[in-house]
Amino acid sequence: MSSLTTRDKVLRTAHSLERQAQTLLDQAATLRELLEEDESPAGLHVVRDPQGPMVYTTEEAADVLRIGESTVRKLMAQGRLRKVMIGSSVRIMREDVMDLLERSRAEDQPLSKPELA
């Protein structure tokens, strides 16, 4: 038989949860202070851009444009969408994705059916 009563177990659990909650509150306060001081601890990369990443993979660009990844590749092959090589990886600048959207709208040209080069 256990020497602790149910009440004692509940009190212990409650006390443990209170300690954990206080730890989380302390950590949140520390992070808030670091962000306000515009400092970031080693290993923490703080991104403040609410518009998303600066570069996209072809899959991410396709998601943003609401088209298929193969269409993104065709647009790059046609020169309608510029690509950036980072090592052996293809990336697309957010600015280029937005420019493509603006050009498409201005020219009233759909993105989903690029002509074959």
PDB file of N, CA and C in Angstrom:
ATOM      1  N   MET A   1       0.825  -1.177   0.000  1.00  0.00           N
ATOM      2  CA  MET A   1       0.000   0.000   0.000  1.00  0.00           C
ATOM      3  C   MET A   1       0.874   1.247   0.000  1.00  0.00           C
ATOM      4  N   SER A   2       0.369   2.265  -0.622  1.00  0.00           N
ATOM      5  CA  SER A   2       1.091   3.517  -0.717  1.00  0.00           C
ATOM      6  C   SER A   2       0.886   4.318   0.562  1.00  0.00           C
ATOM      7  N   SER A   3       1.984   4.940   1.016  1.00  0.00           N
ATOM      8  CA  SER A   3       1.879   5.731   2.242  1.00  0.00           C
ATOM      9  C   SER A   3       1.304   7.124   1.968  1.00  0.00           C
ATOM     10  N   LEU A   4       1.253   7.520   0.679  1.00  0.00           N
ATOM     11  CA  LEU A   4       0.680   8.821   0.335  1.00  0.00           C
ATOM     12  C   LEU A   4      -0.812   8.687   0.065  1.00  0.00           C
ATOM     13  N   THR A   5      -1.554   9.609   0.581  1.00  0.00           N
ATOM     14  CA  THR A   5      -2.990   9.618   0.309  1.00  0.00           C
ATOM     15  C   THR A   5      -3.226  10.262  -1.057  1.00  0.00           C
ATOM     16  N   THR A   6      -4.415  10.084  -1.558  1.00  0.00           N
ATOM     17  CA  THR A   6      -4.770  10.700  -2.839  1.00  0.00           C
ATOM     18  C   THR A   6      -4.601  12.210  -2.758  1.00  0.00           C
ATOM     19  N   ARG A   7      -4.990  12.777  -1.646  1.00  0.00           N
ATOM     20  CA  ARG A   7      -4.858  14.230  -1.462  1.00  0.00           C
ATOM     21  C   ARG A   7      -3.399  14.645  -1.545  1.00  0.00           C
ATOM     22  N   ASP A   8      -2.507  13.892  -0.915  1.00  0.00           N
ATOM     23  CA  ASP A   8      -1.075  14.205  -0.954  1.00  0.00           C
ATOM     24  C   ASP A   8      -0.532  14.118  -2.384  1.00  0.00           C
ATOM     25  N   LYS A   9      -0.970  13.107  -3.119  1.00  0.00           N
ATOM     26  CA  LYS A   9      -0.525  12.950  -4.509  1.00  0.00           C
ATOM     27  C   LYS A   9      -0.987  14.122  -5.368  1.00  0.00           C
ATOM     28  N   VAL A  10      -2.223  14.524  -5.170  1.00  0.00           N
ATOM     29  CA  VAL A  10      -2.760  15.661  -5.926  1.00  0.00           C
ATOM     30  C   VAL A  10      -1.985  16.930  -5.585  1.00  0.00           C
ATOM     31  N   LEU A  11      -1.701  17.142  -4.300  1.00  0.00           N
ATOM     32  CA  LEU A  11      -0.945  18.326  -3.890  1.00  0.00           C
ATOM     33  C   LEU A  11       0.464  18.317  -4.479  1.00  0.00           C
ATOM     34  N   ARG A  12       1.110  17.158  -4.491  1.00  0.00           N
ATOM     35  CA  ARG A  12       2.450  17.046  -5.085  1.00  0.00           C
ATOM     36  C   ARG A  12       2.415  17.359  -6.573  1.00  0.00           C
ATOM     37  N   THR A  13       1.431  16.801  -7.260  1.00  0.00           N
ATOM     38  CA  THR A  13       1.290  17.043  -8.698  1.00  0.00           C
ATOM     39  C   THR A  13       1.032  18.519  -8.962  1.00  0.00           C
ATOM     40  N   ALA A  14       0.176  19.123  -8.172  1.00  0.00           N
ATOM     41  CA  ALA A  14      -0.132  20.547  -8.334  1.00  0.00           C
ATOM     42  C   ALA A  14       1.122  21.391  -8.119  1.00  0.00           C
ATOM     43  N   HIS A  15       1.897  21.058  -7.097  1.00  0.00           N
ATOM     44  CA  HIS A  15       3.129  21.794  -6.815  1.00  0.00           C
ATOM     45  C   HIS A  15       4.125  21.636  -7.965  1.00  0.00           C
ATOM     46  N   SER A  16       4.240  20.442  -8.489  1.00  0.00           N
ATOM     47  CA  SER A  16       5.135  20.188  -9.622  1.00  0.00           C
ATOM     48  C   SER A  16       4.709  20.993 -10.848  1.00  0.00           C
ATOM     49  N   LEU A  17       3.410  21.013 -11.110  1.00  0.00           N
ATOM     50  CA  LEU A  17       2.893  21.783 -12.247  1.00  0.00           C
ATOM     51  C   LEU A  17       3.132  23.282 -12.058  1.00  0.00           C
ATOM     52  N   GLU A  18       2.998  23.766 -10.847  1.00  0.00           N
ATOM     53  CA  GLU A  18       3.257  25.180 -10.569  1.00  0.00           C
ATOM     54  C   GLU A  18       4.716  25.525 -10.843  1.00  0.00           C
ATOM     55  N   ARG A  19       5.639  24.640 -10.443  1.00  0.00           N
ATOM     56  CA  ARG A  19       7.069  24.875 -10.708  1.00  0.00           C
ATOM     57  C   ARG A  19       7.340  24.893 -12.206  1.00  0.00           C
ATOM     58  N   GLN A  20       6.742  23.947 -12.943  1.00  0.00           N
ATOM     59  CA  GLN A  20       6.932  23.894 -14.395  1.00  0.00           C
ATOM     60  C   GLN A  20       6.362  25.140 -15.065  1.00  0.00           C
ATOM     61  N   ALA A  21       5.202  25.571 -14.618  1.00  0.00           N
ATOM     62  CA  ALA A  21       4.583  26.774 -15.179  1.00  0.00           C
ATOM     63  C   ALA A  21       5.455  27.995 -14.917  1.00  0.00           C
ATOM     64  N   GLN A  22       6.012  28.092 -13.719  1.00  0.00           N
ATOM     65  CA  GLN A  22       6.878  29.227 -13.397  1.00  0.00           C
ATOM     66  C   GLN A  22       8.137  29.205 -14.258  1.00  0.00           C
ATOM     67  N   THR A  23       8.688  28.027 -14.491  1.00  0.00           N
ATOM     68  CA  THR A  23       9.862  27.903 -15.362  1.00  0.00           C
ATOM     69  C   THR A  23       9.536  28.397 -16.766  1.00  0.00           C
ATOM     70  N   LEU A  24       8.388  27.992 -17.292  1.00  0.00           N
ATOM     71  CA  LEU A  24       7.978  28.438 -18.629  1.00  0.00           C
ATOM     72  C   LEU A  24       7.765  29.951 -18.669  1.00  0.00           C
ATOM     73  N   LEU A  25       7.157  30.501 -17.642  1.00  0.00           N
ATOM     74  CA  LEU A  25       6.957  31.953 -17.586  1.00  0.00           C
ATOM     75  C   LEU A  25       8.292  32.688 -17.544  1.00  0.00           C
ATOM     76  N   ASP A  26       9.247  32.158 -16.774  1.00  0.00           N
ATOM     77  CA  ASP A  26      10.577  32.767 -16.708  1.00  0.00           C
ATOM     78  C   ASP A  26      11.271  32.719 -18.066  1.00  0.00           C
ATOM     79  N   GLN A  27      11.172  31.582 -18.746  1.00  0.00           N
ATOM     80  CA  GLN A  27      11.787  31.451 -20.064  1.00  0.00           C
ATOM     81  C   GLN A  27      11.136  32.393 -21.070  1.00  0.00           C
ATOM     82  N   ALA A  28       9.829  32.518 -21.021  1.00  0.00           N
ATOM     83  CA  ALA A  28       9.122  33.431 -21.926  1.00  0.00           C
ATOM     84  C   ALA A  28       9.548  34.872 -21.664  1.00  0.00           C
ATOM     85  N   ALA A  29       9.696  35.239 -20.412  1.00  0.00           N
ATOM     86  CA  ALA A  29      10.127  36.598 -20.070  1.00  0.00           C
ATOM     87  C   ALA A  29      11.541  36.858 -20.583  1.00  0.00           C
ATOM     88  N   THR A  30      12.419  35.881 -20.448  1.00  0.00           N
ATOM     89  CA  THR A  30      13.787  36.020 -20.944  1.00  0.00           C
ATOM     90  C   THR A  30      13.801  36.206 -22.454  1.00  0.00           C
ATOM     91  N   LEU A  31      13.027  35.403 -23.168  1.00  0.00           N
ATOM     92  CA  LEU A  31      12.955  35.538 -24.625  1.00  0.00           C
ATOM     93  C   LEU A  31      12.395  36.898 -25.021  1.00  0.00           C
ATOM     94  N   ARG A  32      11.382  37.349 -24.325  1.00  0.00           N
ATOM     95  CA  ARG A  32      10.784  38.655 -24.608  1.00  0.00           C
ATOM     96  C   ARG A  32      11.824  39.764 -24.414  1.00  0.00           C
ATOM     97  N   GLU A  33      12.604  39.683 -23.336  1.00  0.00           N
ATOM     98  CA  GLU A  33      13.648  40.679 -23.071  1.00  0.00           C
ATOM     99  C   GLU A  33      14.705  40.661 -24.165  1.00  0.00           C
ATOM    100  N   LEU A  34      15.114  39.471 -24.590  1.00  0.00           N
ATOM    101  CA  LEU A  34      16.114  39.365 -25.650  1.00  0.00           C
ATOM    102  C   LEU A  34      15.612  39.982 -26.947  1.00  0.00           C
ATOM    103  N   LEU A  35      14.362  39.736 -27.274  1.00  0.00           N
ATOM    104  CA  LEU A  35      13.802  40.307 -28.499  1.00  0.00           C
ATOM    105  C   LEU A  35      13.697  41.824 -28.405  1.00  0.00           C
ATOM    106  N   GLU A  36      13.340  42.323 -27.241  1.00  0.00           N
ATOM    107  CA  GLU A  36      13.243  43.769 -27.052  1.00  0.00           C
ATOM    108  C   GLU A  36      14.612  44.424 -27.127  1.00  0.00           C
ATOM    109  N   GLU A  37      15.655  43.723 -26.674  1.00  0.00           N
ATOM    110  CA  GLU A  37      17.022  44.245 -26.730  1.00  0.00           C
ATOM    111  C   GLU A  37      17.649  44.011 -28.096  1.00  0.00           C
ATOM    112  N   ASP A  38      16.913  43.344 -28.989  1.00  0.00           N
ATOM    113  CA  ASP A  38      17.402  43.016 -30.327  1.00  0.00           C
ATOM    114  C   ASP A  38      18.652  42.142 -30.261  1.00  0.00           C
ATOM    115  N   GLU A  39      18.699  41.259 -29.297  1.00  0.00           N
ATOM    116  CA  GLU A  39      19.785  40.301 -29.174  1.00  0.00           C
ATOM    117  C   GLU A  39      19.190  38.914 -29.323  1.00  0.00           C
ATOM    118  N   SER A  40      20.003  38.011 -29.799  1.00  0.00           N
ATOM    119  CA  SER A  40      19.542  36.628 -29.860  1.00  0.00           C
ATOM    120  C   SER A  40      20.626  35.733 -29.298  1.00  0.00           C
ATOM    121  N   PRO A  41      20.247  34.784 -28.467  1.00  0.00           N
ATOM    122  CA  PRO A  41      21.234  33.871 -27.905  1.00  0.00           C
ATOM    123  C   PRO A  41      21.852  33.010 -28.996  1.00  0.00           C
ATOM    124  N   ALA A  42      23.045  32.516 -28.733  1.00  0.00           N
ATOM    125  CA  ALA A  42      23.746  31.673 -29.702  1.00  0.00           C
ATOM    126  C   ALA A  42      22.859  30.519 -30.134  1.00  0.00           C
ATOM    127  N   GLY A  43      22.820  30.304 -31.434  1.00  0.00           N
ATOM    128  CA  GLY A  43      22.029  29.199 -31.955  1.00  0.00           C
ATOM    129  C   GLY A  43      20.577  29.541 -32.226  1.00  0.00           C
ATOM    130  N   LEU A  44      20.132  30.730 -31.838  1.00  0.00           N
ATOM    131  CA  LEU A  44      18.747  31.132 -32.075  1.00  0.00           C
ATOM    132  C   LEU A  44      18.731  32.185 -33.161  1.00  0.00           C
ATOM    133  N   HIS A  45      18.071  31.872 -34.258  1.00  0.00           N
ATOM    134  CA  HIS A  45      17.954  32.816 -35.368  1.00  0.00           C
ATOM    135  C   HIS A  45      16.577  33.449 -35.292  1.00  0.00           C
ATOM    136  N   VAL A  46      16.552  34.741 -35.048  1.00  0.00           N
ATOM    137  CA  VAL A  46      15.288  35.449 -34.905  1.00  0.00           C
ATOM    138  C   VAL A  46      14.901  36.034 -36.250  1.00  0.00           C
ATOM    139  N   VAL A  47      13.752  35.636 -36.761  1.00  0.00           N
ATOM    140  CA  VAL A  47      13.244  36.147 -38.028  1.00  0.00           C
ATOM    141  C   VAL A  47      12.110  37.107 -37.716  1.00  0.00           C
ATOM    142  N   ARG A  48      12.244  38.329 -38.179  1.00  0.00           N
ATOM    143  CA  ARG A  48      11.233  39.339 -37.878  1.00  0.00           C
ATOM    144  C   ARG A  48      10.386  39.686 -39.086  1.00  0.00           C
ATOM    145  N   ASP A  49      10.586  38.999 -40.192  1.00  0.00           N
ATOM    146  CA  ASP A  49       9.875  39.324 -41.417  1.00  0.00           C
ATOM    147  C   ASP A  49       8.535  38.611 -41.439  1.00  0.00           C
ATOM    148  N   PRO A  50       7.435  39.332 -41.310  1.00  0.00           N
ATOM    149  CA  PRO A  50       6.127  38.687 -41.274  1.00  0.00           C
ATOM    150  C   PRO A  50       5.675  38.153 -42.629  1.00  0.00           C
ATOM    151  N   GLN A  51       6.392  38.511 -43.703  1.00  0.00           N
ATOM    152  CA  GLN A  51       5.998  38.073 -45.033  1.00  0.00           C
ATOM    153  C   GLN A  51       6.525  36.687 -45.371  1.00  0.00           C
ATOM    154  N   GLY A  52       7.297  36.091 -44.516  1.00  0.00           N
ATOM    155  CA  GLY A  52       7.797  34.754 -44.779  1.00  0.00           C
ATOM    156  C   GLY A  52       9.267  34.757 -45.132  1.00  0.00           C
ATOM    157  N   PRO A  53       9.759  33.614 -45.600  1.00  0.00           N
ATOM    158  CA  PRO A  53      11.186  33.490 -45.886  1.00  0.00           C
ATOM    159  C   PRO A  53      11.600  34.352 -47.074  1.00  0.00           C
ATOM    160  N   MET A  54      12.877  34.681 -47.110  1.00  0.00           N
ATOM    161  CA  MET A  54      13.418  35.490 -48.193  1.00  0.00           C
ATOM    162  C   MET A  54      13.602  34.666 -49.465  1.00  0.00           C
ATOM    163  N   VAL A  55      13.869  33.383 -49.298  1.00  0.00           N
ATOM    164  CA  VAL A  55      14.016  32.484 -50.448  1.00  0.00           C
ATOM    165  C   VAL A  55      13.097  31.287 -50.276  1.00  0.00           C
ATOM    166  N   TYR A  56      12.647  30.765 -51.417  1.00  0.00           N
ATOM    167  CA  TYR A  56      11.753  29.617 -51.412  1.00  0.00           C
ATOM    168  C   TYR A  56      12.394  28.455 -52.151  1.00  0.00           C
ATOM    169  N   THR A  57      12.026  27.248 -51.773  1.00  0.00           N
ATOM    170  CA  THR A  57      12.296  26.081 -52.599  1.00  0.00           C
ATOM    171  C   THR A  57      11.278  26.118 -53.738  1.00  0.00           C
ATOM    172  N   THR A  58      11.461  25.269 -54.745  1.00  0.00           N
ATOM    173  CA  THR A  58      10.475  25.240 -55.833  1.00  0.00           C
ATOM    174  C   THR A  58       9.105  24.830 -55.293  1.00  0.00           C
ATOM    175  N   GLU A  59       9.095  23.934 -54.334  1.00  0.00           N
ATOM    176  CA  GLU A  59       7.824  23.494 -53.737  1.00  0.00           C
ATOM    177  C   GLU A  59       7.141  24.643 -52.990  1.00  0.00           C
ATOM    178  N   GLU A  60       7.924  25.405 -52.213  1.00  0.00           N
ATOM    179  CA  GLU A  60       7.355  26.534 -51.474  1.00  0.00           C
ATOM    180  C   GLU A  60       6.848  27.618 -52.427  1.00  0.00           C
ATOM    181  N   ALA A  61       7.618  27.885 -53.497  1.00  0.00           N
ATOM    182  CA  ALA A  61       7.184  28.880 -54.489  1.00  0.00           C
ATOM    183  C   ALA A  61       5.877  28.429 -55.137  1.00  0.00           C
ATOM    184  N   ALA A  62       5.781  27.138 -55.445  1.00  0.00           N
ATOM    185  CA  ALA A  62       4.550  26.601 -56.036  1.00  0.00           C
ATOM    186  C   ALA A  62       3.375  26.784 -55.080  1.00  0.00           C
ATOM    187  N   ASP A  63       3.603  26.545 -53.800  1.00  0.00           N
ATOM    188  CA  ASP A  63       2.542  26.732 -52.803  1.00  0.00           C
ATOM    189  C   ASP A  63       2.100  28.193 -52.738  1.00  0.00           C
ATOM    190  N   VAL A  64       3.062  29.103 -52.739  1.00  0.00           N
ATOM    191  CA  VAL A  64       2.744  30.532 -52.679  1.00  0.00           C
ATOM    192  C   VAL A  64       1.950  30.954 -53.908  1.00  0.00           C
ATOM    193  N   LEU A  65       2.371  30.459 -55.080  1.00  0.00           N
ATOM    194  CA  LEU A  65       1.727  30.831 -56.339  1.00  0.00           C
ATOM    195  C   LEU A  65       0.460  30.028 -56.619  1.00  0.00           C
ATOM    196  N   ARG A  66       0.235  28.973 -55.828  1.00  0.00           N
ATOM    197  CA  ARG A  66      -0.920  28.086 -56.010  1.00  0.00           C
ATOM    198  C   ARG A  66      -0.897  27.409 -57.378  1.00  0.00           C
ATOM    199  N   ILE A  67       0.304  26.963 -57.760  1.00  0.00           N
ATOM    200  CA  ILE A  67       0.484  26.227 -59.011  1.00  0.00           C
ATOM    201  C   ILE A  67       1.317  24.995 -58.713  1.00  0.00           C
ATOM    202  N   GLY A  68       1.467  24.125 -59.681  1.00  0.00           N
ATOM    203  CA  GLY A  68       2.264  22.925 -59.492  1.00  0.00           C
ATOM    204  C   GLY A  68       3.758  23.212 -59.546  1.00  0.00           C
ATOM    205  N   GLU A  69       4.515  22.345 -58.901  1.00  0.00           N
ATOM    206  CA  GLU A  69       5.968  22.496 -58.893  1.00  0.00           C
ATOM    207  C   GLU A  69       6.547  22.386 -60.306  1.00  0.00           C
ATOM    208  N   SER A  70       5.955  21.533 -61.148  1.00  0.00           N
ATOM    209  CA  SER A  70       6.448  21.408 -62.526  1.00  0.00           C
ATOM    210  C   SER A  70       6.225  22.714 -63.294  1.00  0.00           C
ATOM    211  N   THR A  71       5.156  23.428 -62.982  1.00  0.00           N
ATOM    212  CA  THR A  71       4.912  24.721 -63.625  1.00  0.00           C
ATOM    213  C   THR A  71       5.960  25.735 -63.184  1.00  0.00           C
ATOM    214  N   VAL A  72       6.352  25.693 -61.928  1.00  0.00           N
ATOM    215  CA  VAL A  72       7.419  26.574 -61.443  1.00  0.00           C
ATOM    216  C   VAL A  72       8.696  26.291 -62.226  1.00  0.00           C
ATOM    217  N   ARG A  73       9.002  25.017 -62.422  1.00  0.00           N
ATOM    218  CA  ARG A  73      10.217  24.660 -63.173  1.00  0.00           C
ATOM    219  C   ARG A  73      10.131  25.148 -64.624  1.00  0.00           C
ATOM    220  N   LYS A  74       8.945  25.032 -65.230  1.00  0.00           N
ATOM    221  CA  LYS A  74       8.766  25.523 -66.607  1.00  0.00           C
ATOM    222  C   LYS A  74       8.948  27.038 -66.665  1.00  0.00           C
ATOM    223  N   LEU A  75       8.397  27.741 -65.687  1.00  0.00           N
ATOM    224  CA  LEU A  75       8.550  29.193 -65.643  1.00  0.00           C
ATOM    225  C   LEU A  75      10.020  29.582 -65.512  1.00  0.00           C
ATOM    226  N   MET A  76      10.784  28.818 -64.731  1.00  0.00           N
ATOM    227  CA  MET A  76      12.219  29.084 -64.605  1.00  0.00           C
ATOM    228  C   MET A  76      12.927  28.801 -65.926  1.00  0.00           C
ATOM    229  N   ALA A  77      12.577  27.693 -66.575  1.00  0.00           N
ATOM    230  CA  ALA A  77      13.202  27.329 -67.849  1.00  0.00           C
ATOM    231  C   ALA A  77      12.929  28.386 -68.914  1.00  0.00           C
ATOM    232  N   GLN A  78      11.763  28.995 -68.868  1.00  0.00           N
ATOM    233  CA  GLN A  78      11.388  30.041 -69.824  1.00  0.00           C
ATOM    234  C   GLN A  78      12.019  31.391 -69.494  1.00  0.00           C
ATOM    235  N   GLY A  79      12.574  31.497 -68.304  1.00  0.00           N
ATOM    236  CA  GLY A  79      13.145  32.775 -67.891  1.00  0.00           C
ATOM    237  C   GLY A  79      12.127  33.726 -67.296  1.00  0.00           C
ATOM    238  N   ARG A  80      10.908  33.264 -67.097  1.00  0.00           N
ATOM    239  CA  ARG A  80       9.866  34.108 -66.495  1.00  0.00           C
ATOM    240  C   ARG A  80      10.021  34.201 -64.979  1.00  0.00           C
ATOM    241  N   LEU A  81      10.721  33.228 -64.399  1.00  0.00           N
ATOM    242  CA  LEU A  81      10.963  33.199 -62.962  1.00  0.00           C
ATOM    243  C   LEU A  81      12.438  32.880 -62.753  1.00  0.00           C
ATOM    244  N   ARG A  82      13.141  33.814 -62.128  1.00  0.00           N
ATOM    245  CA  ARG A  82      14.584  33.624 -61.934  1.00  0.00           C
ATOM    246  C   ARG A  82      14.846  32.646 -60.797  1.00  0.00           C
ATOM    247  N   LYS A  83      15.931  31.908 -60.943  1.00  0.00           N
ATOM    248  CA  LYS A  83      16.332  30.984 -59.880  1.00  0.00           C
ATOM    249  C   LYS A  83      17.690  31.404 -59.347  1.00  0.00           C
ATOM    250  N   VAL A  84      17.952  31.002 -58.134  1.00  0.00           N
ATOM    251  CA  VAL A  84      19.228  31.246 -57.478  1.00  0.00           C
ATOM    252  C   VAL A  84      19.761  29.889 -57.055  1.00  0.00           C
ATOM    253  N   MET A  85      21.021  29.623 -57.368  1.00  0.00           N
ATOM    254  CA  MET A  85      21.635  28.366 -56.947  1.00  0.00           C
ATOM    255  C   MET A  85      22.350  28.605 -55.619  1.00  0.00           C
ATOM    256  N   ILE A  86      21.994  27.830 -54.635  1.00  0.00           N
ATOM    257  CA  ILE A  86      22.684  27.846 -53.348  1.00  0.00           C
ATOM    258  C   ILE A  86      23.292  26.463 -53.210  1.00  0.00           C
ATOM    259  N   GLY A  87      24.577  26.382 -53.513  1.00  0.00           N
ATOM    260  CA  GLY A  87      25.218  25.077 -53.639  1.00  0.00           C
ATOM    261  C   GLY A  87      24.604  24.402 -54.847  1.00  0.00           C
ATOM    262  N   SER A  88      24.098  23.212 -54.664  1.00  0.00           N
ATOM    263  CA  SER A  88      23.438  22.510 -55.767  1.00  0.00           C
ATOM    264  C   SER A  88      21.914  22.629 -55.684  1.00  0.00           C
ATOM    265  N   SER A  89      21.435  23.424 -54.736  1.00  0.00           N
ATOM    266  CA  SER A  89      19.991  23.573 -54.531  1.00  0.00           C
ATOM    267  C   SER A  89      19.450  24.785 -55.277  1.00  0.00           C
ATOM    268  N   VAL A  90      18.293  24.598 -55.887  1.00  0.00           N
ATOM    269  CA  VAL A  90      17.610  25.690 -56.579  1.00  0.00           C
ATOM    270  C   VAL A  90      16.721  26.414 -55.576  1.00  0.00           C
ATOM    271  N   ARG A  91      16.852  27.725 -55.540  1.00  0.00           N
ATOM    272  CA  ARG A  91      16.004  28.548 -54.686  1.00  0.00           C
ATOM    273  C   ARG A  91      15.457  29.701 -55.517  1.00  0.00           C
ATOM    274  N   ILE A  92      14.364  30.262 -55.058  1.00  0.00           N
ATOM    275  CA  ILE A  92      13.700  31.361 -55.748  1.00  0.00           C
ATOM    276  C   ILE A  92      13.492  32.476 -54.734  1.00  0.00           C
ATOM    277  N   MET A  93      13.934  33.663 -55.085  1.00  0.00           N
ATOM    278  CA  MET A  93      13.793  34.804 -54.187  1.00  0.00           C
ATOM    279  C   MET A  93      12.313  35.195 -54.082  1.00  0.00           C
ATOM    280  N   ARG A  94      11.893  35.524 -52.880  1.00  0.00           N
ATOM    281  CA  ARG A  94      10.513  35.968 -52.656  1.00  0.00           C
ATOM    282  C   ARG A  94      10.182  37.153 -53.567  1.00  0.00           C
ATOM    283  N   GLU A  95      11.133  38.063 -53.700  1.00  0.00           N
ATOM    284  CA  GLU A  95      10.946  39.241 -54.551  1.00  0.00           C
ATOM    285  C   GLU A  95      10.628  38.837 -55.995  1.00  0.00           C
ATOM    286  N   ASP A  96      11.296  37.793 -56.494  1.00  0.00           N
ATOM    287  CA  ASP A  96      11.048  37.337 -57.861  1.00  0.00           C
ATOM    288  C   ASP A  96       9.662  36.704 -58.002  1.00  0.00           C
ATOM    289  N   VAL A  97       9.225  36.006 -56.967  1.00  0.00           N
ATOM    290  CA  VAL A  97       7.873  35.427 -56.980  1.00  0.00           C
ATOM    291  C   VAL A  97       6.837  36.552 -57.033  1.00  0.00           C
ATOM    292  N   MET A  98       7.040  37.585 -56.209  1.00  0.00           N
ATOM    293  CA  MET A  98       6.102  38.710 -56.192  1.00  0.00           C
ATOM    294  C   MET A  98       6.137  39.467 -57.522  1.00  0.00           C
ATOM    295  N   ASP A  99       7.339  39.636 -58.101  1.00  0.00           N
ATOM    296  CA  ASP A  99       7.456  40.293 -59.412  1.00  0.00           C
ATOM    297  C   ASP A  99       6.708  39.511 -60.483  1.00  0.00           C
ATOM    298  N   LEU A 100       6.830  38.193 -60.453  1.00  0.00           N
ATOM    299  CA  LEU A 100       6.127  37.351 -61.424  1.00  0.00           C
ATOM    300  C   LEU A 100       4.615  37.548 -61.304  1.00  0.00           C
ATOM    301  N   LEU A 101       4.129  37.589 -60.089  1.00  0.00           N
ATOM    302  CA  LEU A 101       2.695  37.815 -59.881  1.00  0.00           C
ATOM    303  C   LEU A 101       2.261  39.169 -60.441  1.00  0.00           C
ATOM    304  N   GLU A 102       3.048  40.195 -60.174  1.00  0.00           N
ATOM    305  CA  GLU A 102       2.716  41.531 -60.677  1.00  0.00           C
ATOM    306  C   GLU A 102       2.733  41.569 -62.202  1.00  0.00           C
ATOM    307  N   ARG A 103       3.752  40.978 -62.822  1.00  0.00           N
ATOM    308  CA  ARG A 103       3.832  40.946 -64.290  1.00  0.00           C
ATOM    309  C   ARG A 103       2.658  40.173 -64.870  1.00  0.00           C
ATOM    310  N   SER A 104       2.328  39.053 -64.239  1.00  0.00           N
ATOM    311  CA  SER A 104       1.225  38.234 -64.717  1.00  0.00           C
ATOM    312  C   SER A 104      -0.084  39.018 -64.675  1.00  0.00           C
ATOM    313  N   ARG A 105      -0.268  39.754 -63.598  1.00  0.00           N
ATOM    314  CA  ARG A 105      -1.486  40.557 -63.462  1.00  0.00           C
ATOM    315  C   ARG A 105      -1.503  41.702 -64.478  1.00  0.00           C
ATOM    316  N   ALA A 106      -0.369  42.373 -64.627  1.00  0.00           N
ATOM    317  CA  ALA A 106      -0.289  43.507 -65.554  1.00  0.00           C
ATOM    318  C   ALA A 106      -0.491  43.065 -67.001  1.00  0.00           C
ATOM    319  N   GLU A 107       0.048  41.886 -67.342  1.00  0.00           N
ATOM    320  CA  GLU A 107      -0.049  41.381 -68.717  1.00  0.00           C
ATOM    321  C   GLU A 107      -1.288  40.520 -68.920  1.00  0.00           C
ATOM    322  N   ASP A 108      -2.046  40.317 -67.846  1.00  0.00           N
ATOM    323  CA  ASP A 108      -3.223  39.449 -67.887  1.00  0.00           C
ATOM    324  C   ASP A 108      -2.861  38.084 -68.460  1.00  0.00           C
ATOM    325  N   GLN A 109      -1.739  37.547 -67.966  1.00  0.00           N
ATOM    326  CA  GLN A 109      -1.210  36.274 -68.460  1.00  0.00           C
ATOM    327  C   GLN A 109      -1.253  35.251 -67.322  1.00  0.00           C
ATOM    328  N   PRO A 110      -1.916  34.113 -67.533  1.00  0.00           N
ATOM    329  CA  PRO A 110      -2.005  33.123 -66.451  1.00  0.00           C
ATOM    330  C   PRO A 110      -0.657  32.468 -66.170  1.00  0.00           C
ATOM    331  N   LEU A 111      -0.465  32.084 -64.920  1.00  0.00           N
ATOM    332  CA  LEU A 111       0.765  31.392 -64.529  1.00  0.00           C
ATOM    333  C   LEU A 111       0.653  29.890 -64.716  1.00  0.00           C
ATOM    334  N   SER A 112      -0.543  29.373 -64.662  1.00  0.00           N
ATOM    335  CA  SER A 112      -0.725  27.928 -64.592  1.00  0.00           C
ATOM    336  C   SER A 112      -0.471  27.197 -65.896  1.00  0.00           C
ATOM    337  N   LYS A 113      -0.446  27.897 -67.018  1.00  0.00           N
ATOM    338  CA  LYS A 113      -0.253  27.225 -68.296  1.00  0.00           C
ATOM    339  C   LYS A 113       0.848  27.910 -69.099  1.00  0.00           C
ATOM    340  N   PRO A 114       2.104  27.855 -68.618  1.00  0.00           N
ATOM    341  CA  PRO A 114       3.168  28.496 -69.380  1.00  0.00           C
ATOM    342  C   PRO A 114       3.391  27.773 -70.703  1.00  0.00           C
ATOM    343  N   GLU A 115       3.675  28.554 -71.734  1.00  0.00           N
ATOM    344  CA  GLU A 115       3.943  27.958 -73.043  1.00  0.00           C
ATOM    345  C   GLU A 115       5.289  27.259 -72.992  1.00  0.00           C
ATOM    346  N   LEU A 116       5.401  26.179 -73.733  1.00  0.00           N
ATOM    347  CA  LEU A 116       6.665  25.463 -73.775  1.00  0.00           C
ATOM    348  C   LEU A 116       7.673  26.268 -74.562  1.00  0.00           C
ATOM    349  N   ALA A 117       8.898  26.308 -74.088  1.00  0.00           N
ATOM    350  CA  ALA A 117       9.956  27.076 -74.750  1.00  0.00           C
ATOM    351  C   ALA A 117      10.411  26.383 -76.010  1.00  0.00           C
TER     352      ALA A 117
END
